[in-house]
C-alpha atoms as a PDB file:
ATOM      1  CA  MET A   1     162.171 -13.201-130.412  1.00  0.00           C
ATOM      2  CA  PHE A   2     160.932 -14.677-133.760  1.00  0.00           C
ATOM      3  CA  LEU A   3     157.549 -15.811-132.469  1.00  0.00           C
ATOM      4  CA  SER A   4     156.819 -12.287-131.197  1.00  0.00           C
ATOM      5  CA  GLN A   5     157.471 -10.935-134.583  1.00  0.00           C
ATOM      6  CA  ILE A   6     154.957 -13.339-136.088  1.00  0.00           C
ATOM      7  CA  ASP A   7     152.214 -11.884-133.833  1.00  0.00           C
ATOM      8  CA  GLU A   8     152.567  -8.625-135.859  1.00  0.00           C
ATOM      9  CA  LEU A   9     150.930 -10.367-138.708  1.00  0.00           C
ATOM     10  CA  GLY A  10     147.634 -10.823-136.914  1.00  0.00           C
ATOM     11  CA  GLU A  11     146.245 -13.099-134.360  1.00  0.00           C
ATOM     12  CA  ASN A  12     144.704 -15.685-136.761  1.00  0.00           C
ATOM     13  CA  THR A  13     147.774 -15.691-138.994  1.00  0.00           C
ATOM     14  CA  ALA A  14     150.162 -16.077-136.029  1.00  0.00           C
ATOM     15  CA  LEU A  15     148.233 -18.905-134.561  1.00  0.00           C
ATOM     16  CA  ALA A  16     148.140 -20.767-137.883  1.00  0.00           C
ATOM     17  CA  ILE A  17     151.922 -20.303-138.317  1.00  0.00           C
ATOM     18  CA  LYS A  18     152.699 -21.550-134.739  1.00  0.00           C
ATOM     19  CA  ILE A  19     150.381 -24.639-135.023  1.00  0.00           C
ATOM     20  CA  GLY A  20     152.115 -25.391-138.451  1.00  0.00           C
ATOM     21  CA  LEU A  21     155.521 -25.248-136.829  1.00  0.00           C
ATOM     22  CA  ILE A  22     154.428 -27.667-134.133  1.00  0.00           C
ATOM     23  CA  ILE A  23     152.923 -30.012-136.635  1.00  0.00           C
ATOM     24  CA  ILE A  24     156.186 -29.978-138.734  1.00  0.00           C
ATOM     25  CA  GLY A  25     158.205 -30.613-135.621  1.00  0.00           C
ATOM     26  CA  VAL A  26     156.004 -33.490-134.620  1.00  0.00           C
ATOM     27  CA  ILE A  27     156.280 -35.067-138.033  1.00  0.00           C
ATOM     28  CA  LEU A  28     160.072 -34.613-138.186  1.00  0.00           C
ATOM     29  CA  PHE A  29     160.381 -36.154-134.672  1.00  0.00           C
ATOM     30  CA  PHE A  30     158.419 -39.280-135.659  1.00  0.00           C
ATOM     31  CA  MET A  31     160.204 -39.572-139.105  1.00  0.00           C
ATOM     32  CA  ASP A  32     163.589 -39.479-137.218  1.00  0.00           C
ATOM     33  CA  LYS A  33     162.335 -42.056-134.644  1.00  0.00           C
ATOM     34  CA  PHE A  34     161.161 -44.320-137.489  1.00  0.00           C
ATOM     35  CA  THR A  35     164.232 -44.217-139.603  1.00  0.00           C
ATOM     36  CA  THR A  36     166.471 -44.642-136.432  1.00  0.00           C
ATOM     37  CA  ASN A  37     164.683 -47.812-135.494  1.00  0.00           C
ATOM     38  CA  ASN A  38     164.882 -49.139-138.974  1.00  0.00           C
ATOM     39  CA  ASN A  39     168.660 -48.455-139.150  1.00  0.00           C
ATOM     40  CA  ASN A  40     169.222 -50.136-135.883  1.00  0.00           C
ATOM     41  CA  HIS A  41     167.465 -53.365-137.081  1.00  0.00           C
ATOM     42  CA  LYS A  42     169.408 -53.489-140.354  1.00  0.00           C
ATOM     43  CA  SER A  43     172.810 -53.056-138.722  1.00  0.00           C
ATOM     44  CA  VAL A  44     172.191 -55.942-136.148  1.00  0.00           C
ATOM     45  CA  SER A  45     171.405 -58.481-138.754  1.00  0.00           C
END
């Protein structure tokens, strides 16, 4: 699996990459949620 290959780079590097991926995922989730709510309000009016 991809995440197990990251572990070969070192423990600290792997942890930093995994945390970075989680943060990017959270940002994308909230950006999608925000834009979806805005589009719904515009189409109703």
